[in-house]
Amino acid sequence: MSKGFKISFCTGIVLLAYILLCRQNIAFADFYSLHLYPSISAFLSFIASAVPFSLQEILIVIFIVLLLGIPFWAKKKRIRWNKALAYEANLVLWIYVWLYLGWGINYFRSNIFLRAEKAPAAYEQESFSSFLQEFTTGINNAYTPSRDLDKNALELYAKSEYQKIDKKFGLGSPKSYQHPKKQMFDFLQSAVGVSGYIGPYMDETHVNSAVRELEYPFTYIHEYAHVLGIAMEAEANYWSYKLCTSSPDPVVRYSGYFSLLPFVWNNAKRLLPEEEFIAWKDSLNPAIIDDALDSEEYWEKLRWGILEKTQRVVYNWFLKSNNIPSGTKNYSEVLLIIMSLDD
């Protein structure tokens, strides 16, 4: 093997060892999130800002082409199978290393409760009922039929508010050149019910073009929390909810409450006696229920059944393997954070 290959492989192994160390030791992961990631993210997202489209998607296509193409290239060049396998292994190594060194190590940092120096609240009927009453008043007051959203103003607002968050929470500093990216494969995101995601290879924010104005503010602010170093879905939901519901823009404010409604609904249905749940449901503005049903119907038409189920299983496994034992259920744990930190 060439000297260049040996250097590449050995460097990858060293970085892999650091990633595995971060998996096992919160102190190393916290050092990455607080001191290394901000510079890495600023650098990668600055490069990505040179183009309006998603570099993440381009990279994924390149990775797939290379992985599939190396065996054919090796055969054409009459390279021995073990050498071709070494090239494949080196490529897989760097795909993994880049994924975690570029962003993924944030999964292993201290959770929001440790950073806030608060213990998670134990469930109590009284505290949940108090939260439910406040939420219900909030969403009813926030309701607006308007869908007139200024996305540029939203971005400026989100970055300004994220800049004000207490440094103890360890969020990165927003950059003026970090903007949501256009995608080529939005239809695939819709097919699996994904409204947005972070591109971990270039630290890009992606919002599905199918996302409508009512859901766009919450989705964008959630995904931007990931760019700022937040990996946990529940925490990204928390910051999105906080920023949206504090906005002077009625559409943004309603988006915050509306996007949290499914989690509140599911918890209320599970925890309240049937009579109390029905009474709570009836206390909601009927127009809000109509919006929820309309949204559910809208996304249902875009989903591809078996593909969505496959993605859900894979993503659930991915989250569980990355220090989120509750998997995709982590999204709904935002209520625990609200009730613990906003008492």
Protein backbone atom coordinates (compact mmCIF):
# COMPACT_ATOMS: atom_id res chain seq x y z
CA MET A 1 0.00 0.00 0.00
CA SER A 2 1.17 3.54 -0.72
CA LYS A 3 2.52 5.88 1.94
CA GLY A 4 -0.49 8.18 1.44
CA PHE A 5 -2.90 5.32 2.12
CA LYS A 6 -1.04 4.34 5.30
CA ILE A 7 -1.11 7.94 6.59
CA SER A 8 -4.82 8.22 5.78
CA PHE A 9 -5.69 4.94 7.48
CA CYS A 10 -3.56 5.56 10.58
CA THR A 11 -4.99 9.08 10.98
CA GLY A 12 -8.49 7.66 10.69
CA ILE A 13 -7.75 5.06 13.37
CA VAL A 14 -6.43 7.74 15.76
CA LEU A 15 -9.57 9.87 15.24
CA LEU A 16 -11.75 6.77 15.64
CA ALA A 17 -10.06 6.11 18.99
CA TYR A 18 -10.91 9.66 20.10
CA ILE A 19 -14.54 9.19 19.05
CA LEU A 20 -14.77 5.93 21.00
CA LEU A 21 -13.22 7.68 24.00
CA CYS A 22 -15.92 10.36 23.80
CA ARG A 23 -18.55 7.62 23.70
CA GLN A 24 -17.27 6.30 27.01
CA ASN A 25 -16.30 9.51 28.80
CA ILE A 26 -18.60 12.53 29.10
CA ALA A 27 -15.68 14.82 29.97
CA PHE A 28 -14.07 14.22 26.57
CA ALA A 29 -17.41 14.63 24.79
CA ASP A 30 -18.08 17.89 26.67
CA PHE A 31 -14.63 19.18 25.71
CA TYR A 32 -15.44 18.45 22.07
CA SER A 33 -18.88 20.12 22.24
CA LEU A 34 -17.68 23.22 24.06
CA HIS A 35 -14.21 23.77 22.60
CA LEU A 36 -13.76 21.83 19.35
CA TYR A 37 -17.19 21.62 17.73
CA PRO A 38 -17.84 25.40 17.53
CA SER A 39 -14.73 25.86 15.36
CA ILE A 40 -15.34 22.70 13.33
CA SER A 41 -18.96 23.70 12.71
CA ALA A 42 -18.05 27.27 11.81
CA PHE A 43 -15.47 26.00 9.31
CA LEU A 44 -17.65 23.35 7.68
CA SER A 45 -20.77 25.51 7.48
CA PHE A 46 -18.72 28.38 6.06
CA ILE A 47 -17.55 26.15 3.21
CA ALA A 48 -21.12 24.91 2.72
CA SER A 49 -22.40 28.49 2.58
CA ALA A 50 -20.70 28.97 -0.79
CA VAL A 51 -23.59 27.14 -2.46
CA PRO A 52 -27.37 27.36 -1.86
CA PHE A 53 -27.94 23.63 -2.26
CA SER A 54 -27.19 20.78 0.15
CA LEU A 55 -23.59 19.56 0.12
CA GLN A 56 -24.71 16.78 2.45
CA GLU A 57 -26.76 15.22 -0.33
CA ILE A 58 -23.88 15.55 -2.80
CA LEU A 59 -21.51 13.87 -0.36
CA ILE A 60 -23.90 10.98 0.27
CA VAL A 61 -24.16 10.38 -3.48
CA ILE A 62 -20.36 10.49 -3.78
CA PHE A 63 -19.94 8.04 -0.89
CA ILE A 64 -22.40 5.59 -2.46
CA VAL A 65 -20.74 5.86 -5.89
CA LEU A 66 -17.30 5.26 -4.40
CA LEU A 67 -18.40 2.32 -2.27
CA LEU A 68 -20.07 0.65 -5.24
CA GLY A 69 -17.42 1.71 -7.72
CA ILE A 70 -14.22 0.61 -5.99
CA PRO A 71 -14.72 -3.13 -6.77
CA PHE A 72 -15.29 -2.39 -10.48
CA TRP A 73 -12.31 -0.02 -10.56
CA ALA A 74 -10.13 -2.62 -8.85
CA LYS A 75 -11.19 -5.30 -11.32
CA LYS A 76 -10.49 -3.04 -14.29
CA LYS A 77 -7.05 -2.14 -12.93
CA ARG A 78 -6.42 -5.78 -11.94
CA ILE A 79 -5.88 -4.85 -8.32
CA ARG A 80 -5.93 -7.73 -5.86
CA TRP A 81 -9.15 -8.22 -3.89
CA ASN A 82 -7.49 -7.71 -0.50
CA LYS A 83 -6.08 -4.36 -1.61
CA ALA A 84 -9.47 -3.28 -2.97
CA LEU A 85 -11.01 -4.34 0.35
CA ALA A 86 -8.49 -2.16 2.16
CA TYR A 87 -9.56 0.84 0.08
CA GLU A 88 -13.20 0.10 0.92
CA ALA A 89 -12.38 -0.20 4.63
CA ASN A 90 -10.49 3.11 4.59
CA LEU A 91 -13.43 4.85 2.91
CA VAL A 92 -15.93 3.43 5.43
CA LEU A 93 -13.59 4.48 8.26
CA TRP A 94 -13.52 8.08 7.06
CA ILE A 95 -17.27 8.21 6.43
CA TYR A 96 -17.75 7.18 10.07
CA VAL A 97 -15.04 9.49 11.44
CA TRP A 98 -16.34 12.50 9.53
CA LEU A 99 -19.91 11.83 10.68
CA TYR A 100 -18.92 11.92 14.36
CA LEU A 101 -16.05 14.38 14.31
CA GLY A 102 -18.11 16.80 12.21
CA TRP A 103 -21.12 16.70 14.56
CA GLY A 104 -22.08 13.30 15.98
CA ILE A 105 -19.95 13.40 19.14
CA ASN A 106 -22.54 15.86 20.47
CA TYR A 107 -24.70 12.80 21.20
CA PHE A 108 -22.37 11.92 24.06
CA ARG A 109 -22.16 15.29 25.82
CA SER A 110 -23.79 16.08 29.18
CA ASN A 111 -27.56 16.22 28.93
CA ILE A 112 -29.52 19.42 29.44
CA PHE A 113 -30.35 18.59 33.06
CA LEU A 114 -26.67 18.34 34.00
CA ARG A 115 -25.87 21.56 32.17
CA ALA A 116 -28.83 23.34 33.79
CA GLU A 117 -27.89 21.82 37.17
CA LYS A 118 -31.46 20.62 37.68
CA ALA A 119 -32.87 17.17 38.28
CA PRO A 120 -35.58 15.82 35.97
CA ALA A 121 -39.00 16.40 37.51
CA ALA A 122 -40.82 13.35 38.81
CA TYR A 123 -44.29 12.92 37.34
CA GLU A 124 -47.02 14.28 39.58
CA GLN A 125 -50.67 14.62 38.58
CA GLU A 126 -50.81 18.13 39.99
CA SER A 127 -47.74 19.42 38.13
CA PHE A 128 -48.86 17.87 34.84
CA SER A 129 -52.35 19.35 35.23
CA SER A 130 -50.78 22.75 35.92
CA PHE A 131 -48.62 22.47 32.81
CA LEU A 132 -51.60 21.32 30.74
CA GLN A 133 -53.66 24.29 31.87
CA GLU A 134 -50.89 26.76 31.01
CA PHE A 135 -50.30 25.11 27.63
CA THR A 136 -54.00 25.11 26.78
CA THR A 137 -54.34 28.79 27.62
CA GLY A 138 -51.21 29.51 25.62
CA ILE A 139 -52.23 27.66 22.45
CA ASN A 140 -55.77 29.03 22.53
CA ASN A 141 -54.47 32.58 22.88
CA ALA A 142 -51.80 32.01 20.24
CA TYR A 143 -54.15 30.66 17.59
CA THR A 144 -54.13 32.66 14.38
CA PRO A 145 -55.59 31.83 10.96
CA SER A 146 -52.75 33.78 9.35
CA ARG A 147 -50.05 31.89 7.45
CA ASP A 148 -48.12 34.97 6.36
CA LEU A 149 -44.56 34.02 7.32
CA ASP A 150 -41.39 36.04 6.69
CA LYS A 151 -38.68 33.36 6.65
CA ASN A 152 -35.81 35.85 6.55
CA ALA A 153 -37.15 37.65 9.61
CA LEU A 154 -37.61 34.28 11.33
CA GLU A 155 -33.97 33.37 10.71
CA LEU A 156 -32.73 36.68 12.11
CA TYR A 157 -34.99 36.31 15.16
CA ALA A 158 -33.86 32.74 15.84
CA LYS A 159 -30.16 33.61 15.65
CA SER A 160 -30.64 36.64 17.87
CA GLU A 161 -32.51 34.62 20.50
CA TYR A 162 -30.09 31.70 20.41
CA GLN A 163 -27.28 34.19 21.03
CA LYS A 164 -28.99 35.24 24.28
CA ILE A 165 -29.23 31.75 25.81
CA ASP A 166 -27.22 31.28 29.00
CA LYS A 167 -23.72 30.01 28.21
CA LYS A 168 -24.09 27.19 30.75
CA PHE A 169 -26.29 25.37 28.23
CA GLY A 170 -23.32 25.12 25.87
CA LEU A 171 -24.93 26.08 22.59
CA GLY A 172 -22.69 27.30 19.80
CA SER A 173 -22.73 30.83 18.44
CA PRO A 174 -25.00 31.40 15.40
CA LYS A 175 -23.28 32.52 12.19
CA SER A 176 -24.69 34.96 9.67
CA TYR A 177 -23.75 32.66 6.78
CA GLN A 178 -25.66 29.62 8.10
CA HIS A 179 -28.89 29.35 6.10
CA PRO A 180 -31.35 26.50 5.41
CA LYS A 181 -30.34 24.50 2.35
CA LYS A 182 -32.30 23.48 -0.73
CA GLN A 183 -32.48 19.74 -1.37
CA MET A 184 -32.74 17.51 -4.41
CA PHE A 185 -34.53 14.66 -2.66
CA ASP A 186 -37.27 16.40 -0.70
CA PHE A 187 -39.78 13.85 -1.94
CA LEU A 188 -37.86 11.11 -0.13
CA GLN A 189 -37.94 13.14 3.09
CA SER A 190 -41.70 13.51 2.70
CA ALA A 191 -42.05 9.80 1.97
CA VAL A 192 -40.59 8.92 5.38
CA GLY A 193 -42.30 11.76 7.24
CA VAL A 194 -39.16 13.84 7.84
CA SER A 195 -39.77 17.59 7.98
CA GLY A 196 -36.13 18.54 8.46
CA TYR A 197 -32.68 17.31 9.47
CA ILE A 198 -29.12 18.43 10.10
CA GLY A 199 -26.47 17.49 7.55
CA PRO A 200 -23.71 16.31 9.92
CA TYR A 201 -20.99 16.24 7.27
CA MET A 202 -21.16 19.99 6.57
CA ASP A 203 -23.32 21.14 9.51
CA GLU A 204 -26.15 22.32 7.28
CA THR A 205 -29.76 23.00 8.22
CA HIS A 206 -32.34 21.30 5.99
CA VAL A 207 -36.07 22.01 6.00
CA ASN A 208 -38.24 19.93 3.70
CA SER A 209 -39.80 22.17 1.04
CA ALA A 210 -43.10 20.37 1.72
CA VAL A 211 -43.23 21.89 5.21
CA ARG A 212 -46.01 24.48 5.30
CA GLU A 213 -45.85 27.91 6.92
CA LEU A 214 -47.53 26.81 10.14
CA GLU A 215 -44.92 24.14 10.86
CA TYR A 216 -41.91 25.84 9.28
CA PRO A 217 -40.82 28.05 12.27
CA PHE A 218 -40.72 25.18 14.75
CA THR A 219 -38.97 22.88 12.25
CA TYR A 220 -36.33 25.43 11.28
CA ILE A 221 -35.51 26.48 14.86
CA HIS A 222 -35.38 22.80 15.92
CA GLU A 223 -32.92 21.90 13.16
CA TYR A 224 -30.81 24.98 13.82
CA ALA A 225 -30.45 23.87 17.46
CA HIS A 226 -28.72 20.77 16.08
CA VAL A 227 -26.28 22.95 14.14
CA LEU A 228 -25.50 24.76 17.40
CA GLY A 229 -24.42 21.49 18.99
CA ILE A 230 -27.62 20.00 20.39
CA ALA A 231 -28.04 16.34 19.45
CA MET A 232 -30.93 15.26 21.67
CA GLU A 233 -34.24 15.63 19.84
CA ALA A 234 -36.11 16.50 23.03
CA GLU A 235 -33.75 19.38 23.77
CA ALA A 236 -33.94 20.67 20.18
CA ASN A 237 -37.73 20.61 20.59
CA TYR A 238 -37.40 22.47 23.88
CA TRP A 239 -35.39 25.35 22.43
CA SER A 240 -37.67 25.55 19.41
CA TYR A 241 -40.73 25.70 21.64
CA LYS A 242 -39.14 28.36 23.87
CA LEU A 243 -38.08 30.59 20.99
CA CYS A 244 -41.26 30.19 18.96
CA THR A 245 -43.64 30.87 21.84
CA SER A 246 -41.65 33.98 22.82
CA SER A 247 -41.80 35.46 19.32
CA PRO A 248 -43.74 38.68 18.63
CA ASP A 249 -44.77 37.17 15.28
CA PRO A 250 -48.19 35.49 15.74
CA VAL A 251 -47.50 32.81 13.12
CA VAL A 252 -44.21 31.84 14.76
CA ARG A 253 -45.77 31.87 18.23
CA TYR A 254 -48.66 29.65 17.15
CA SER A 255 -46.22 27.33 15.37
CA GLY A 256 -44.45 26.72 18.68
CA TYR A 257 -47.60 25.68 20.51
CA PHE A 258 -49.09 23.84 17.55
CA SER A 259 -45.97 21.73 16.94
CA LEU A 260 -45.88 20.68 20.59
CA LEU A 261 -49.57 19.72 20.56
CA PRO A 262 -49.07 16.09 19.37
CA PHE A 263 -46.74 15.38 22.32
CA VAL A 264 -49.11 17.06 24.77
CA TRP A 265 -52.08 15.23 23.27
CA ASN A 266 -50.44 11.80 23.54
CA ASN A 267 -49.34 12.37 27.11
CA ALA A 268 -52.72 13.74 28.16
CA LYS A 269 -54.49 10.76 26.60
CA ARG A 270 -52.14 8.36 28.38
CA LEU A 271 -52.09 10.02 31.80
CA LEU A 272 -55.55 11.54 32.29
CA PRO A 273 -58.75 9.65 33.10
CA GLU A 274 -60.96 9.45 30.01
CA GLU A 275 -63.45 12.03 31.29
CA GLU A 276 -60.68 14.54 32.03
CA PHE A 277 -59.05 13.96 28.65
CA ILE A 278 -62.32 14.60 26.83
CA ALA A 279 -62.92 17.74 28.89
CA TRP A 280 -59.42 18.97 28.05
CA LYS A 281 -59.86 18.21 24.36
CA ASP A 282 -63.14 20.13 24.34
CA SER A 283 -61.39 23.13 25.92
CA LEU A 284 -59.20 23.56 22.83
CA ASN A 285 -60.24 26.00 20.14
CA PRO A 286 -61.96 23.86 17.45
CA ALA A 287 -59.93 25.66 14.79
CA ILE A 288 -56.75 24.23 16.36
CA ILE A 289 -58.18 20.70 16.11
CA ASP A 290 -59.00 21.38 12.46
CA ASP A 291 -55.42 22.51 11.83
CA ALA A 292 -54.10 19.33 13.49
CA LEU A 293 -56.35 17.06 11.43
CA ASP A 294 -55.46 18.96 8.26
CA SER A 295 -51.74 18.59 8.99
CA GLU A 296 -52.08 14.89 9.70
CA GLU A 297 -53.99 14.33 6.46
CA TYR A 298 -51.49 16.42 4.48
CA TRP A 299 -48.44 14.43 5.62
CA GLU A 300 -50.24 11.10 5.36
CA LYS A 301 -50.72 11.66 1.64
CA LEU A 302 -46.98 12.24 1.18
CA ARG A 303 -45.78 9.18 3.09
CA TRP A 304 -44.78 5.89 1.53
CA GLY A 305 -45.90 3.22 4.01
CA ILE A 306 -43.15 0.59 3.92
CA LEU A 307 -40.38 3.15 3.35
CA GLU A 308 -41.54 5.22 6.34
CA LYS A 309 -41.67 2.15 8.60
CA THR A 310 -38.19 1.09 7.50
CA GLN A 311 -36.78 4.56 8.13
CA ARG A 312 -38.43 4.68 11.55
CA VAL A 313 -36.87 1.35 12.57
CA VAL A 314 -33.42 2.37 11.31
CA TYR A 315 -33.54 5.82 12.91
CA ASN A 316 -34.81 4.37 16.18
CA TRP A 317 -31.85 1.98 16.20
CA PHE A 318 -29.45 4.83 15.29
CA LEU A 319 -30.65 7.01 18.19
CA LYS A 320 -30.49 4.13 20.68
CA SER A 321 -26.93 3.37 19.57
CA ASN A 322 -25.99 7.00 20.16
CA ASN A 323 -26.77 7.51 23.83
CA ILE A 324 -30.53 8.04 23.42
CA PRO A 325 -32.03 4.90 25.01
CA SER A 326 -35.60 5.99 24.32
CA GLY A 327 -34.92 6.17 20.59
CA THR A 328 -37.50 8.07 18.57
CA LYS A 329 -39.61 8.48 21.73
CA ASN A 330 -37.02 11.07 22.76
CA TYR A 331 -38.92 13.72 20.77
CA SER A 332 -41.84 13.56 23.22
CA GLU A 333 -39.55 13.88 26.25
CA VAL A 334 -39.56 17.61 25.58
CA LEU A 335 -42.43 17.84 28.08
CA LEU A 336 -40.17 16.52 30.84
CA ILE A 337 -37.64 19.25 30.05
CA ILE A 338 -40.31 21.98 30.08
CA MET A 339 -41.75 20.81 33.36
CA SER A 340 -38.28 20.49 34.92
CA LEU A 341 -36.68 23.72 33.72
CA ASP A 342 -39.63 26.08 33.42
CA ASP A 343 -41.11 25.62 36.88
